[in-house]
C-alpha atoms as a PDB file:
ATOM      1  CA  UNK A   1     -14.381  13.177   6.862  1.00  0.00           C
ATOM      2  CA  UNK A   2     -12.338  15.324   4.506  1.00  0.00           C
ATOM      3  CA  UNK A   3     -11.939  13.732   1.089  1.00  0.00           C
ATOM      4  CA  UNK A   4     -11.906  14.768  -2.555  1.00  0.00           C
ATOM      5  CA  UNK A   5     -15.369  15.284  -4.070  1.00  0.00           C
ATOM      6  CA  UNK A   6     -16.444  12.752  -6.688  1.00  0.00           C
ATOM      7  CA  UNK A   7     -16.940  14.459 -10.020  1.00  0.00           C
ATOM      8  CA  UNK A   8     -19.767  13.759 -12.391  1.00  0.00           C
ATOM      9  CA  UNK A   9     -18.935  11.922 -15.597  1.00  0.00           C
ATOM     10  CA  UNK A  10     -19.227  15.099 -17.686  1.00  0.00           C
ATOM     11  CA  UNK A  11     -17.020  17.034 -15.255  1.00  0.00           C
ATOM     12  CA  UNK A  12     -14.381  14.294 -15.403  1.00  0.00           C
ATOM     13  CA  UNK A  13     -14.458  14.323 -19.200  1.00  0.00           C
ATOM     14  CA  UNK A  14     -14.104  18.110 -19.255  1.00  0.00           C
ATOM     15  CA  UNK A  15     -11.247  17.989 -16.731  1.00  0.00           C
ATOM     16  CA  UNK A  16      -9.431  15.367 -18.803  1.00  0.00           C
ATOM     17  CA  UNK A  17      -9.785  17.435 -21.956  1.00  0.00           C
ATOM     18  CA  UNK A  18      -8.424  20.509 -20.181  1.00  0.00           C
ATOM     19  CA  UNK A  19      -5.569  18.572 -18.569  1.00  0.00           C
ATOM     20  CA  UNK A  20      -4.190  17.208 -21.844  1.00  0.00           C
ATOM     21  CA  UNK A  21      -1.994  19.712 -23.704  1.00  0.00           C
ATOM     22  CA  UNK A  22      -2.972  20.724 -27.225  1.00  0.00           C
ATOM     23  CA  UNK A  23      -0.341  18.392 -28.654  1.00  0.00           C
ATOM     24  CA  UNK A  24      -2.202  15.469 -27.080  1.00  0.00           C
ATOM     25  CA  UNK A  25       0.804  14.538 -24.971  1.00  0.00           C
ATOM     26  CA  UNK A  26       0.421  13.731 -21.303  1.00  0.00           C
ATOM     27  CA  UNK A  27       3.074  13.172 -18.694  1.00  0.00           C
ATOM     28  CA  UNK A  28       3.671   9.546 -17.779  1.00  0.00           C
ATOM     29  CA  UNK A  29       6.544   7.704 -16.125  1.00  0.00           C
ATOM     30  CA  UNK A  30       9.510   6.286 -18.022  1.00  0.00           C
ATOM     31  CA  UNK A  31       9.741   2.951 -19.805  1.00  0.00           C
ATOM     32  CA  UNK A  32      11.567   1.398 -16.860  1.00  0.00           C
ATOM     33  CA  UNK A  33       8.338   1.463 -14.845  1.00  0.00           C
ATOM     34  CA  UNK A  34       6.386  -0.505 -17.442  1.00  0.00           C
ATOM     35  CA  UNK A  35       5.124   2.601 -19.156  1.00  0.00           C
ATOM     36  CA  UNK A  36       6.389   4.719 -22.004  1.00  0.00           C
ATOM     37  CA  UNK A  37       6.925   8.425 -22.643  1.00  0.00           C
ATOM     38  CA  UNK A  38       4.011  10.798 -23.010  1.00  0.00           C
ATOM     39  CA  UNK A  39       3.791  10.632 -26.807  1.00  0.00           C
ATOM     40  CA  UNK A  40       3.212   6.877 -26.638  1.00  0.00           C
ATOM     41  CA  UNK A  41       0.555   7.303 -23.937  1.00  0.00           C
ATOM     42  CA  UNK A  42      -1.278   9.834 -26.077  1.00  0.00           C
ATOM     43  CA  UNK A  43      -1.296   7.356 -28.983  1.00  0.00           C
ATOM     44  CA  UNK A  44      -2.402   4.363 -26.883  1.00  0.00           C
ATOM     45  CA  UNK A  45      -6.082   3.587 -26.316  1.00  0.00           C
ATOM     46  CA  UNK A  46      -7.747   3.147 -22.947  1.00  0.00           C
ATOM     47  CA  UNK A  47      -7.636  -0.274 -21.340  1.00  0.00           C
ATOM     48  CA  UNK A  48     -10.918  -2.142 -21.539  1.00  0.00           C
ATOM     49  CA  UNK A  49     -12.335  -3.366 -18.248  1.00  0.00           C
ATOM     50  CA  UNK A  50     -11.910  -6.973 -19.458  1.00  0.00           C
ATOM     51  CA  UNK A  51      -8.198  -6.463 -20.083  1.00  0.00           C
ATOM     52  CA  UNK A  52      -7.458  -5.442 -16.489  1.00  0.00           C
ATOM     53  CA  UNK A  53      -7.113  -7.524 -13.337  1.00  0.00           C
ATOM     54  CA  UNK A  54      -7.481  -5.392 -10.205  1.00  0.00           C
ATOM     55  CA  UNK A  55      -6.603  -6.707  -6.740  1.00  0.00           C
ATOM     56  CA  UNK A  56      -6.623  -5.054  -3.315  1.00  0.00           C
ATOM     57  CA  UNK A  57      -5.326  -6.332  -0.013  1.00  0.00           C
ATOM     58  CA  UNK A  58      -3.700  -5.461   3.282  1.00  0.00           C
ATOM     59  CA  UNK A  59      -0.140  -4.333   3.849  1.00  0.00           C
ATOM     60  CA  UNK A  60       2.061  -4.734   6.918  1.00  0.00           C
ATOM     61  CA  UNK A  61       0.881  -1.289   8.049  1.00  0.00           C
ATOM     62  CA  UNK A  62      -2.772  -1.612   9.118  1.00  0.00           C
ATOM     63  CA  UNK A  63      -3.479   1.947   7.897  1.00  0.00           C
ATOM     64  CA  UNK A  64      -2.484   1.069   4.331  1.00  0.00           C
ATOM     65  CA  UNK A  65      -3.988  -1.046   1.556  1.00  0.00           C
ATOM     66  CA  UNK A  66      -2.087  -2.329  -1.476  1.00  0.00           C
ATOM     67  CA  UNK A  67      -3.569  -2.231  -4.977  1.00  0.00           C
ATOM     68  CA  UNK A  68      -2.310  -4.246  -7.983  1.00  0.00           C
ATOM     69  CA  UNK A  69      -3.418  -3.642 -11.548  1.00  0.00           C
ATOM     70  CA  UNK A  70      -2.382  -6.028 -14.331  1.00  0.00           C
ATOM     71  CA  UNK A  71      -2.820  -5.458 -18.061  1.00  0.00           C
ATOM     72  CA  UNK A  72      -3.866  -8.955 -19.205  1.00  0.00           C
ATOM     73  CA  UNK A  73      -4.163  -7.965 -22.861  1.00  0.00           C
ATOM     74  CA  UNK A  74      -1.634  -8.494 -25.662  1.00  0.00           C
ATOM     75  CA  UNK A  75      -1.108  -4.766 -26.231  1.00  0.00           C
ATOM     76  CA  UNK A  76      -0.295  -1.626 -24.269  1.00  0.00           C
ATOM     77  CA  UNK A  77      -3.190   0.498 -23.045  1.00  0.00           C
ATOM     78  CA  UNK A  78      -3.809   3.401 -20.682  1.00  0.00           C
ATOM     79  CA  UNK A  79      -5.536   3.915 -17.331  1.00  0.00           C
ATOM     80  CA  UNK A  80      -5.641   7.023 -15.168  1.00  0.00           C
ATOM     81  CA  UNK A  81      -2.284   7.756 -13.518  1.00  0.00           C
ATOM     82  CA  UNK A  82      -3.772   7.132 -10.066  1.00  0.00           C
ATOM     83  CA  UNK A  83      -6.649   4.901  -8.938  1.00  0.00           C
ATOM     84  CA  UNK A  84     -10.003   6.329  -7.906  1.00  0.00           C
ATOM     85  CA  UNK A  85     -10.722   4.958  -4.427  1.00  0.00           C
ATOM     86  CA  UNK A  86     -14.073   5.588  -2.723  1.00  0.00           C
ATOM     87  CA  UNK A  87     -15.231   4.461   0.703  1.00  0.00           C
ATOM     88  CA  UNK A  88     -18.597   2.766   1.320  1.00  0.00           C
ATOM     89  CA  UNK A  89     -21.417   5.284   1.220  1.00  0.00           C
ATOM     90  CA  UNK A  90     -19.204   8.283   2.089  1.00  0.00           C
ATOM     91  CA  UNK A  91     -18.917  11.155  -0.392  1.00  0.00           C
ATOM     92  CA  UNK A  92     -15.617  11.719  -2.130  1.00  0.00           C
ATOM     93  CA  UNK A  93     -12.472   9.784  -2.938  1.00  0.00           C
ATOM     94  CA  UNK A  94      -8.896   9.454  -1.707  1.00  0.00           C
ATOM     95  CA  UNK A  95      -6.659  12.356  -2.715  1.00  0.00           C
ATOM     96  CA  UNK A  96      -3.681  11.567  -4.958  1.00  0.00           C
ATOM     97  CA  UNK A  97      -0.186  11.802  -3.520  1.00  0.00           C
ATOM     98  CA  UNK A  98       1.629  13.591  -4.942  1.00  0.00           C
ATOM     99  CA  UNK A  99      -1.156  15.991  -5.824  1.00  0.00           C
ATOM    100  CA  UNK A 100      -1.963  16.061  -9.518  1.00  0.00           C
ATOM    101  CA  UNK A 101      -4.594  15.929 -12.188  1.00  0.00           C
ATOM    102  CA  UNK A 102      -5.904  12.950 -14.107  1.00  0.00           C
ATOM    103  CA  UNK A 103      -3.730  11.935 -17.035  1.00  0.00           C
ATOM    104  CA  UNK A 104      -3.161   8.780 -19.087  1.00  0.00           C
ATOM    105  CA  UNK A 105      -0.768   6.194 -17.687  1.00  0.00           C
ATOM    106  CA  UNK A 106       0.458   3.606 -20.182  1.00  0.00           C
ATOM    107  CA  UNK A 107       0.781  -0.023 -19.087  1.00  0.00           C
ATOM    108  CA  UNK A 108       2.554  -2.424 -21.402  1.00  0.00           C
ATOM    109  CA  UNK A 109       1.070  -5.859 -22.160  1.00  0.00           C
ATOM    110  CA  UNK A 110       1.337  -8.268 -19.234  1.00  0.00           C
ATOM    111  CA  UNK A 111       2.707  -5.604 -16.862  1.00  0.00           C
ATOM    112  CA  UNK A 112       1.512  -5.120 -13.265  1.00  0.00           C
ATOM    113  CA  UNK A 113       1.559  -1.722 -11.536  1.00  0.00           C
ATOM    114  CA  UNK A 114       0.949  -0.920  -7.875  1.00  0.00           C
ATOM    115  CA  UNK A 115      -0.548   1.801  -5.673  1.00  0.00           C
ATOM    116  CA  UNK A 116      -0.794   2.216  -1.918  1.00  0.00           C
ATOM    117  CA  UNK A 117      -3.830   3.734  -0.183  1.00  0.00           C
ATOM    118  CA  UNK A 118      -3.518   5.178   3.306  1.00  0.00           C
ATOM    119  CA  UNK A 119      -7.067   5.136   4.641  1.00  0.00           C
ATOM    120  CA  UNK A 120      -6.307   6.865   7.956  1.00  0.00           C
ATOM    121  CA  UNK A 121      -3.226   8.501   9.502  1.00  0.00           C
ATOM    122  CA  UNK A 122      -4.048   7.663  13.147  1.00  0.00           C
ATOM    123  CA  UNK A 123      -6.147   4.556  13.845  1.00  0.00           C
ATOM    124  CA  UNK A 124      -7.186   5.987  17.241  1.00  0.00           C
ATOM    125  CA  UNK A 125      -8.533   9.208  15.673  1.00  0.00           C
ATOM    126  CA  UNK A 126     -11.991   9.866  17.205  1.00  0.00           C
ATOM    127  CA  UNK A 127     -13.183  11.350  13.885  1.00  0.00           C
ATOM    128  CA  UNK A 128     -12.539   8.103  12.012  1.00  0.00           C
ATOM    129  CA  UNK A 129     -15.396   6.807   9.914  1.00  0.00           C
ATOM    130  CA  UNK A 130     -16.028   3.109   9.441  1.00  0.00           C
ATOM    131  CA  UNK A 131     -17.068   1.604   6.128  1.00  0.00           C
ATOM    132  CA  UNK A 132     -17.779  -1.977   5.169  1.00  0.00           C
ATOM    133  CA  UNK A 133     -16.197  -1.701   1.729  1.00  0.00           C
ATOM    134  CA  UNK A 134     -14.109   0.374  -0.641  1.00  0.00           C
ATOM    135  CA  UNK A 135     -14.444   0.659  -4.404  1.00  0.00           C
ATOM    136  CA  UNK A 136     -11.413   0.989  -6.685  1.00  0.00           C
ATOM    137  CA  UNK A 137     -11.358   2.061 -10.325  1.00  0.00           C
ATOM    138  CA  UNK A 138      -8.447   2.461 -12.745  1.00  0.00           C
ATOM    139  CA  UNK A 139     -10.540   5.002 -14.692  1.00  0.00           C
ATOM    140  CA  UNK A 140     -12.651   7.681 -12.942  1.00  0.00           C
ATOM    141  CA  UNK A 141     -15.209   7.503 -15.768  1.00  0.00           C
ATOM    142  CA  UNK A 142     -16.007   3.837 -14.981  1.00  0.00           C
ATOM    143  CA  UNK A 143     -17.602   2.077 -12.067  1.00  0.00           C
ATOM    144  CA  UNK A 144     -14.991   0.413  -9.931  1.00  0.00           C
ATOM    145  CA  UNK A 145     -14.614  -2.945  -8.271  1.00  0.00           C
ATOM    146  CA  UNK A 146     -15.841  -3.210  -4.676  1.00  0.00           C
ATOM    147  CA  UNK A 147     -13.754  -4.905  -1.981  1.00  0.00           C
ATOM    148  CA  UNK A 148     -15.239  -5.765   1.419  1.00  0.00           C
ATOM    149  CA  UNK A 149     -13.445  -4.970   4.666  1.00  0.00           C
ATOM    150  CA  UNK A 150     -12.968  -8.717   5.176  1.00  0.00           C
ATOM    151  CA  UNK A 151     -11.361  -9.122   1.739  1.00  0.00           C
ATOM    152  CA  UNK A 152      -8.981  -6.310   2.694  1.00  0.00           C
ATOM    153  CA  UNK A 153      -8.006  -7.960   5.974  1.00  0.00           C
ATOM    154  CA  UNK A 154      -9.674  -5.161   7.970  1.00  0.00           C
ATOM    155  CA  UNK A 155     -12.232  -7.280   9.822  1.00  0.00           C
ATOM    156  CA  UNK A 156     -15.724  -5.796   9.722  1.00  0.00           C
ATOM    157  CA  UNK A 157     -14.794  -2.181   8.887  1.00  0.00           C
ATOM    158  CA  UNK A 158     -12.161  -0.068   7.168  1.00  0.00           C
ATOM    159  CA  UNK A 159     -11.239   3.000   9.214  1.00  0.00           C
ATOM    160  CA  UNK A 160     -11.089   6.128   7.079  1.00  0.00           C
ATOM    161  CA  UNK A 161     -10.180   9.785   7.628  1.00  0.00           C
ATOM    162  CA  UNK A 162      -8.328  11.998   5.124  1.00  0.00           C
ATOM    163  CA  UNK A 163      -7.376   9.110   2.805  1.00  0.00           C
ATOM    164  CA  UNK A 164      -4.659   9.390   0.152  1.00  0.00           C
ATOM    165  CA  UNK A 165      -3.643   7.174  -2.771  1.00  0.00           C
ATOM    166  CA  UNK A 166      -0.345   7.062  -4.607  1.00  0.00           C
ATOM    167  CA  UNK A 167       0.028   7.179  -8.362  1.00  0.00           C
ATOM    168  CA  UNK A 168       0.603   3.805 -10.044  1.00  0.00           C
ATOM    169  CA  UNK A 169       4.182   2.645  -9.427  1.00  0.00           C
ATOM    170  CA  UNK A 170       6.354  -0.237 -10.715  1.00  0.00           C
ATOM    171  CA  UNK A 171       6.319  -1.973  -7.284  1.00  0.00           C
ATOM    172  CA  UNK A 172       4.462  -1.985  -3.985  1.00  0.00           C
ATOM    173  CA  UNK A 173       7.687  -0.839  -2.292  1.00  0.00           C
ATOM    174  CA  UNK A 174       7.877   2.201  -4.595  1.00  0.00           C
ATOM    175  CA  UNK A 175       4.241   3.061  -3.802  1.00  0.00           C
ATOM    176  CA  UNK A 176       4.867   2.658  -0.067  1.00  0.00           C
ATOM    177  CA  UNK A 177       7.880   5.010  -0.264  1.00  0.00           C
ATOM    178  CA  UNK A 178       5.552   7.786  -1.521  1.00  0.00           C
ATOM    179  CA  UNK A 179       3.640   7.411   1.756  1.00  0.00           C
ATOM    180  CA  UNK A 180       6.893   7.380   3.745  1.00  0.00           C
ATOM    181  CA  UNK A 181       6.545   3.723   4.730  1.00  0.00           C
ATOM    182  CA  UNK A 182       9.843   2.239   3.465  1.00  0.00           C
END
């Protein structure tokens, strides 16, 4: 299975420091998507695990999972601009689409953002791996939340080969469009 290697905590921290420009600004989507310009993201603290509600479930396309992340706090906070999605005991994580580096993504209070994860391009692929669960994190420096194949509507196993995940988007439809689904 070809997937992105999982970085150690120190490597992630170093990559984040290198990815943020000297001014401290980081690129994030516009206010219309529930986020604010880069200067605001740089000035906003990370979301605590308690302030986030993360959900995962099936989509109409059996190759794709939908993720929802809600900021339940009373203030804006930041997560990584795309979710970290790992698969059972396999090494690596889904690659972001479009390609990009980690960066802060600001979510306003009470706002929900969405991502789509394509676990496999062709369900009949003979190289497909089968896992009983996936783990999703809004921050690559934190442990994520596991979801079983049953919880995801995949029966006993999630098929995976060359998985990709979208960046957080204002709707599931917007995330699906990145994968060419709508």
